[in-house]
Amino acid sequence: MPSLGITATALPGLSDLSSLLPGPRLLASIEVDLLITFIPQMVIFASLAVLLKGLLFDRVLKVFEEREKRTDGARAEARKMQEEAGELLRKYEAELDRVNRVAAEEREKVRAETAKLEAEILGEARAAVTKIVEHGRERLEDEVKEIQFELGKASNSLAGEIASKVLGRQI
């Protein structure tokens, strides 16, 4: 039997303390009471475990399984959606590249057409300017010839007048 380490001699004046300490008879009744209460507690525990397994634990496990399935399903769906989004992004980028190439080709065509039209307009303008300049030169040459002819006719009479004035007599 375990000793509590307290004796009547250790505490003077408390000699009646031994009546308060558990003796062999009290410990035997505690052991019997412990066995009497332990077995029903184990039966109640086992009964509750079986009952709660059917009522609570299985349902909670089903909820956890369903949650796991839904989570896995949601993850799989999210993965699938990400793959679809990636595919759509690749298609979008490919289409954007194609549109950019077509736009660049169209810009190049328009630029070439504009350069060609500009060259035609400049050619026509040069031709018109050349024609105007040639026409102007011809007119100037005609006027110069006419003035020279007029001066040629007038030069004889002017020469006679100048000579008359210089000589002081009529020639």
Protein backbone atom coordinates (compact mmCIF):
# COMPACT_ATOMS: atom_id res chain seq x y z
CA MET A 1 0.00 0.00 0.00
CA PRO A 2 1.41 3.41 -0.89
CA SER A 3 2.41 5.66 1.95
CA LEU A 4 1.50 9.32 1.92
CA GLY A 5 4.63 10.20 3.89
CA ILE A 6 2.69 11.76 6.74
CA THR A 7 2.90 10.18 10.17
CA ALA A 8 1.55 11.19 13.55
CA THR A 9 5.07 11.56 14.91
CA ALA A 10 6.06 13.92 12.13
CA LEU A 11 3.39 16.39 13.15
CA PRO A 12 3.29 16.79 16.94
CA GLY A 13 -0.11 17.55 18.34
CA LEU A 14 -1.92 15.79 15.54
CA SER A 15 -1.99 12.27 16.86
CA ASP A 16 -5.56 11.78 15.65
CA LEU A 17 -4.43 12.26 12.08
CA SER A 18 -4.06 8.54 11.59
CA SER A 19 -7.82 8.19 11.71
CA LEU A 20 -8.04 10.49 8.70
CA LEU A 21 -5.51 8.58 6.62
CA PRO A 22 -6.82 5.83 4.37
CA GLY A 23 -6.27 2.45 5.82
CA PRO A 24 -6.33 -0.97 4.22
CA ARG A 25 -10.09 -1.22 4.49
CA LEU A 26 -10.67 2.15 2.76
CA LEU A 27 -8.25 1.34 -0.09
CA ALA A 28 -9.95 -1.99 -0.73
CA SER A 29 -13.31 -0.30 -1.03
CA ILE A 30 -11.82 2.25 -3.44
CA GLU A 31 -10.48 -0.53 -5.63
CA VAL A 32 -13.85 -2.23 -5.69
CA ASP A 33 -15.60 1.03 -6.46
CA LEU A 34 -13.09 1.73 -9.22
CA LEU A 35 -13.74 -1.63 -10.85
CA ILE A 36 -17.47 -1.24 -10.42
CA THR A 37 -17.45 2.18 -12.15
CA PHE A 38 -14.73 1.41 -14.73
CA ILE A 39 -16.59 -1.43 -16.47
CA PRO A 40 -19.85 0.53 -16.95
CA GLN A 41 -17.84 3.53 -18.17
CA MET A 42 -16.09 1.36 -20.74
CA VAL A 43 -19.43 -0.12 -21.84
CA ILE A 44 -20.92 3.37 -22.14
CA PHE A 45 -17.82 4.56 -24.04
CA ALA A 46 -17.93 1.62 -26.45
CA SER A 47 -21.68 2.06 -26.95
CA LEU A 48 -21.26 5.77 -27.63
CA ALA A 49 -18.37 5.06 -30.00
CA VAL A 50 -20.49 2.60 -31.99
CA LEU A 51 -23.56 4.85 -31.89
CA LEU A 52 -21.64 8.02 -32.77
CA LYS A 53 -19.76 6.21 -35.51
CA GLY A 54 -23.00 5.53 -37.30
CA LEU A 55 -24.64 8.84 -36.49
CA LEU A 56 -21.81 11.35 -36.54
CA PHE A 57 -18.40 10.07 -37.57
CA ASP A 58 -19.50 8.43 -40.83
CA ARG A 59 -21.44 11.53 -41.81
CA VAL A 60 -18.54 13.81 -40.96
CA LEU A 61 -16.23 11.56 -42.98
CA LYS A 62 -18.68 11.68 -45.89
CA VAL A 63 -18.73 15.48 -45.64
CA PHE A 64 -14.92 15.50 -45.66
CA GLU A 65 -14.85 13.13 -48.65
CA GLU A 66 -17.42 15.24 -50.50
CA ARG A 67 -15.45 18.36 -49.71
CA GLU A 68 -12.29 16.67 -50.97
CA LYS A 69 -14.06 15.56 -54.17
CA ARG A 70 -15.45 19.04 -54.74
CA THR A 71 -12.09 20.60 -54.01
CA ASP A 72 -10.37 18.19 -56.39
CA GLY A 73 -13.13 18.80 -58.94
CA ALA A 74 -12.78 22.55 -58.54
CA ARG A 75 -9.01 22.27 -58.89
CA ALA A 76 -9.37 20.13 -61.99
CA GLU A 77 -11.91 22.57 -63.41
CA ALA A 78 -9.65 25.50 -62.57
CA ARG A 79 -6.74 23.71 -64.27
CA LYS A 80 -8.93 23.04 -67.30
CA MET A 81 -10.08 26.67 -67.36
CA GLN A 82 -6.46 27.85 -67.13
CA GLU A 83 -5.52 25.59 -70.03
CA GLU A 84 -8.47 26.91 -72.04
CA ALA A 85 -7.52 30.48 -71.15
CA GLY A 86 -3.94 29.77 -72.22
CA GLU A 87 -5.18 28.31 -75.51
CA LEU A 88 -7.44 31.33 -76.06
CA LEU A 89 -4.53 33.63 -75.29
CA ARG A 90 -2.33 31.79 -77.81
CA LYS A 91 -5.09 32.02 -80.43
CA TYR A 92 -5.58 35.72 -79.64
CA GLU A 93 -1.85 36.42 -79.94
CA ALA A 94 -1.66 34.44 -83.21
CA GLU A 95 -4.64 36.35 -84.60
CA LEU A 96 -3.14 39.64 -83.42
CA ASP A 97 0.14 38.77 -85.16
CA ARG A 98 -1.74 37.88 -88.34
CA VAL A 99 -3.71 41.15 -88.20
CA ASN A 100 -0.49 43.10 -87.61
CA ARG A 101 1.13 41.40 -90.63
CA VAL A 102 -1.91 42.15 -92.82
CA ALA A 103 -1.95 45.76 -91.58
CA ALA A 104 1.78 46.09 -92.31
CA GLU A 105 1.23 44.69 -95.82
CA GLU A 106 -1.65 47.12 -96.38
CA ARG A 107 0.46 50.02 -95.08
CA GLU A 108 3.24 49.00 -97.45
CA LYS A 109 0.80 48.81 -100.38
CA VAL A 110 -0.67 52.21 -99.55
CA ARG A 111 2.82 53.67 -99.12
CA ALA A 112 3.89 52.23 -102.48
CA GLU A 113 0.74 53.53 -104.16
CA THR A 114 1.26 56.93 -102.56
CA ALA A 115 4.90 57.01 -103.69
CA LYS A 116 3.83 56.01 -107.21
CA LEU A 117 1.09 58.66 -107.26
CA GLU A 118 3.53 61.23 -105.90
CA ALA A 119 6.03 60.33 -108.63
CA GLU A 120 3.30 60.63 -111.29
CA ILE A 121 2.15 64.00 -109.94
CA LEU A 122 5.74 65.26 -109.74
CA GLY A 123 6.39 63.98 -113.28
CA GLU A 124 3.28 65.74 -114.56
CA ALA A 125 4.25 68.92 -112.69
CA ARG A 126 7.80 68.77 -114.09
CA ALA A 127 6.43 68.23 -117.58
CA ALA A 128 4.03 71.16 -117.14
CA VAL A 129 6.81 73.37 -115.75
CA THR A 130 9.14 72.31 -118.56
CA LYS A 131 6.42 73.07 -121.11
CA ILE A 132 5.76 76.47 -119.53
CA VAL A 133 9.49 77.25 -119.39
CA GLU A 134 9.95 76.16 -123.04
CA HIS A 135 6.93 78.19 -124.08
CA GLY A 136 8.33 81.18 -122.15
CA ARG A 137 11.75 80.75 -123.78
CA GLU A 138 10.15 80.58 -127.22
CA ARG A 139 8.18 83.76 -126.49
CA LEU A 140 11.30 85.46 -125.20
CA GLU A 141 13.26 84.39 -128.27
CA ASP A 142 10.44 85.64 -130.50
CA GLU A 143 10.30 88.95 -128.64
CA VAL A 144 14.11 89.25 -128.73
CA LYS A 145 14.05 88.62 -132.50
CA GLU A 146 11.23 91.11 -132.94
CA ILE A 147 13.03 93.71 -130.86
CA GLN A 148 16.26 93.03 -132.77
CA PHE A 149 14.34 93.40 -136.04
CA GLU A 150 12.78 96.65 -134.81
CA LEU A 151 16.16 97.84 -133.60
CA GLY A 152 17.67 96.80 -136.93
CA LYS A 153 15.11 98.94 -138.77
CA ALA A 154 15.50 101.79 -136.38
CA SER A 155 19.28 101.50 -136.21
CA ASN A 156 19.77 102.97 -139.67
CA SER A 157 17.62 105.97 -138.92
CA LEU A 158 19.16 106.34 -135.44
CA ALA A 159 22.65 106.05 -136.83
CA GLY A 160 21.82 108.80 -139.31
CA GLU A 161 20.43 111.02 -136.57
CA ILE A 162 23.39 110.42 -134.30
CA ALA A 163 25.80 111.12 -137.13
CA SER A 164 23.91 114.32 -138.00
CA LYS A 165 24.06 115.53 -134.43
CA VAL A 166 27.72 114.64 -134.05
CA LEU A 167 28.63 116.22 -137.36
CA GLY A 168 26.18 118.98 -137.00
CA ARG A 169 24.77 118.53 -140.47
CA GLN A 170 22.25 116.29 -142.11
CA ILE A 171 23.43 113.07 -143.61
